[in-house]
Amino acid sequence: MFAIVRTGGKQYRVAAGDKIAVEKIDGEAGDTVSLGDVLLAGDGGEVKDAKGLTVSAEIIAQTRGEKVIVFKKRRRHNYRRRNGHRQSLTLLRILAVGEAKKAAPKKEAAQKAEAAPATEAKAAAPAKEAAPKKAAAPKKDAAPKAETAEKKPAAKKAAPKKDA
């Protein structure tokens, strides 16, 4: 049985046992992931309904693709820019194409169960008491402003004289 799945903006034709390189998916080597966006499924020359189907895959490794050189040039303007790019990839081994299996949620539940005792241990630890804060020193009054000095209006500039 084969399926067409969409991941990372691209479409892949997969069958059980295939190895594919897709854009980066979170996870470590050995983790099981589920590709739920199945566009088409088939068996031999027969097309089947893709609703409710998922493709389960195992992460083999997290790698990076080949370097791509991006070179920009505008002739006669002394403009040259050289840049490189390496895409992050995930290597997947397709385990099964078929009905939705809930293997991935079990791992997540197990991880949450492991994390729960750690948070309980943090909560059970005695909280450190904060040292009492010191009282702020009283602020000194600002120097009194001289009220006797009055401000004079700004002087106006004389208009330039016109010569006839």
Protein backbone atom coordinates (compact mmCIF):
# COMPACT_ATOMS: atom_id res chain seq x y z
CA MET A 1 0.00 0.00 0.00
CA PHE A 2 1.27 3.49 -0.82
CA ALA A 3 0.25 6.99 0.17
CA ILE A 4 0.93 10.56 -0.89
CA VAL A 5 1.71 12.70 2.19
CA ARG A 6 2.33 16.41 2.52
CA THR A 7 4.94 17.70 4.97
CA GLY A 8 7.11 20.80 4.90
CA GLY A 9 5.22 22.19 1.91
CA LYS A 10 6.21 19.25 -0.31
CA GLN A 11 4.49 16.00 -1.27
CA TYR A 12 6.06 12.54 -1.04
CA ARG A 13 4.94 9.13 -2.31
CA VAL A 14 5.69 6.66 0.46
CA ALA A 15 5.24 2.97 1.19
CA ALA A 16 6.21 0.84 4.18
CA GLY A 17 10.00 0.50 4.41
CA ASP A 18 10.84 3.63 2.37
CA LYS A 19 13.42 6.16 3.55
CA ILE A 20 12.82 9.84 2.79
CA ALA A 21 14.47 13.15 3.66
CA VAL A 22 11.95 15.86 4.65
CA GLU A 23 12.23 19.35 6.09
CA LYS A 24 13.07 19.41 9.78
CA ILE A 25 10.58 17.77 12.14
CA ASP A 26 11.03 18.10 15.90
CA GLY A 27 12.25 14.94 17.59
CA GLU A 28 15.34 12.83 18.21
CA ALA A 29 16.65 9.74 16.48
CA GLY A 30 14.47 6.75 17.36
CA ASP A 31 11.28 8.76 17.98
CA THR A 32 8.11 7.79 16.17
CA VAL A 33 6.17 10.51 14.34
CA SER A 34 2.83 10.46 12.61
CA LEU A 35 2.29 12.16 9.26
CA GLY A 36 -1.42 12.89 9.26
CA ASP A 37 -1.79 14.96 6.10
CA VAL A 38 -2.46 12.09 3.68
CA LEU A 39 -3.65 13.33 0.29
CA LEU A 40 -4.10 10.03 -1.52
CA ALA A 41 -3.79 6.34 -0.76
CA GLY A 42 -3.68 3.34 -3.01
CA ASP A 43 -3.03 -0.35 -3.25
CA GLY A 44 -1.57 -1.48 -6.55
CA GLY A 45 -3.61 0.26 -9.28
CA GLU A 46 -6.54 0.93 -6.96
CA VAL A 47 -7.12 4.32 -5.29
CA LYS A 48 -8.53 4.26 -1.76
CA ASP A 49 -10.14 6.85 0.48
CA ALA A 50 -7.49 8.81 2.42
CA LYS A 51 -9.79 10.01 5.24
CA GLY A 52 -8.60 8.85 8.64
CA LEU A 53 -5.34 7.44 7.32
CA THR A 54 -2.02 8.28 8.87
CA VAL A 55 1.52 7.33 8.01
CA SER A 56 3.75 6.36 10.92
CA ALA A 57 7.47 6.92 10.55
CA GLU A 58 10.61 6.63 12.66
CA ILE A 59 13.21 9.39 12.77
CA ILE A 60 16.56 7.99 11.65
CA ALA A 61 18.63 11.19 12.01
CA GLN A 62 18.59 14.98 11.96
CA THR A 63 20.96 16.19 9.23
CA ARG A 64 21.62 19.10 6.90
CA GLY A 65 21.47 19.15 3.13
CA GLU A 66 24.15 20.19 0.67
CA LYS A 67 25.30 23.79 0.59
CA VAL A 68 23.62 25.99 -1.98
CA ILE A 69 25.55 29.07 -3.12
CA VAL A 70 23.50 32.21 -3.78
CA PHE A 71 25.48 34.65 -5.93
CA LYS A 72 24.07 38.03 -6.96
CA LYS A 73 25.77 40.33 -9.46
CA ARG A 74 24.86 43.55 -11.19
CA ARG A 75 27.23 44.12 -14.04
CA ARG A 76 29.07 47.40 -14.39
CA HIS A 77 28.10 48.48 -10.85
CA ASN A 78 30.79 46.66 -8.84
CA TYR A 79 28.04 44.78 -7.00
CA ARG A 80 28.65 41.18 -5.96
CA ARG A 81 27.06 39.31 -3.06
CA ARG A 82 27.86 35.71 -2.16
CA ASN A 83 25.75 33.82 0.35
CA GLY A 84 25.33 30.16 1.26
CA HIS A 85 22.47 28.08 2.67
CA ARG A 86 22.16 24.58 4.11
CA GLN A 87 18.66 23.26 4.76
CA SER A 88 17.96 21.31 7.96
CA LEU A 89 16.56 17.87 7.11
CA THR A 90 15.07 14.92 8.95
CA LEU A 91 15.63 11.40 7.64
CA LEU A 92 12.52 9.23 8.08
CA ARG A 93 11.91 5.49 7.73
CA ILE A 94 8.27 4.77 6.94
CA LEU A 95 6.96 2.08 9.29
CA ALA A 96 3.34 1.70 8.21
CA VAL A 97 0.70 3.22 5.97
CA GLY A 98 -2.77 2.69 7.31
CA GLU A 99 -5.29 3.48 10.02
CA ALA A 100 -4.51 6.01 12.72
CA LYS A 101 -2.35 4.39 15.39
CA LYS A 102 -1.81 6.17 18.66
CA ALA A 103 1.82 5.21 19.30
CA ALA A 104 3.11 8.79 19.34
CA PRO A 105 0.64 10.03 22.00
CA LYS A 106 1.75 7.18 24.29
CA LYS A 107 5.32 8.48 24.21
CA GLU A 108 4.09 11.99 24.95
CA ALA A 109 2.00 10.69 27.86
CA ALA A 110 5.00 8.79 29.21
CA GLN A 111 7.15 11.92 28.98
CA LYS A 112 4.46 13.93 30.80
CA ALA A 113 4.27 11.23 33.49
CA GLU A 114 8.04 11.45 33.98
CA ALA A 115 7.91 15.24 34.12
CA ALA A 116 5.06 15.27 36.67
CA PRO A 117 7.10 13.76 39.58
CA ALA A 118 9.87 16.28 38.91
CA THR A 119 7.44 19.19 39.26
CA GLU A 120 5.95 17.66 42.41
CA ALA A 121 9.46 17.40 43.89
CA LYS A 122 10.02 21.08 43.17
CA ALA A 123 6.72 21.96 44.83
CA ALA A 124 7.51 19.80 47.88
CA ALA A 125 10.91 21.43 48.41
CA PRO A 126 10.79 24.09 51.16
CA ALA A 127 10.61 27.55 49.74
CA LYS A 128 13.42 29.88 50.73
CA GLU A 129 12.25 32.82 52.75
CA ALA A 130 13.15 36.15 51.26
CA ALA A 131 15.24 38.50 53.39
CA PRO A 132 13.23 41.46 54.68
CA LYS A 133 13.57 44.51 52.48
CA LYS A 134 15.29 47.57 53.82
CA ALA A 135 13.25 50.72 54.18
CA ALA A 136 13.98 53.29 51.50
CA ALA A 137 15.92 56.33 52.64
CA PRO A 138 13.83 59.53 52.74
CA LYS A 139 14.35 61.70 49.68
CA LYS A 140 15.79 65.16 50.06
CA ASP A 141 13.72 68.08 48.90
CA ALA A 142 14.80 69.68 45.66
CA ALA A 143 16.42 73.11 45.85
CA PRO A 144 13.77 75.86 45.94
CA LYS A 145 13.36 77.68 42.62
CA ALA A 146 14.09 81.33 42.46
CA GLU A 147 10.66 82.91 42.12
CA THR A 148 12.01 86.45 42.10
CA ALA A 149 13.66 86.14 38.68
CA GLU A 150 11.05 86.74 36.00
CA LYS A 151 11.49 85.50 32.48
CA LYS A 152 11.71 88.06 29.74
CA PRO A 153 10.11 87.43 26.33
CA ALA A 154 12.50 86.49 23.55
CA ALA A 155 13.81 89.39 21.47
CA LYS A 156 12.46 89.71 17.96
CA LYS A 157 14.80 90.03 15.04
CA ALA A 158 14.48 93.08 12.88
CA ALA A 159 13.29 92.52 9.34
CA PRO A 160 15.99 92.95 6.69
CA LYS A 161 15.93 96.32 4.94
CA LYS A 162 15.13 96.38 1.28
CA ASP A 163 17.38 98.40 -1.02
CA ALA A 164 15.59 100.05 -3.92
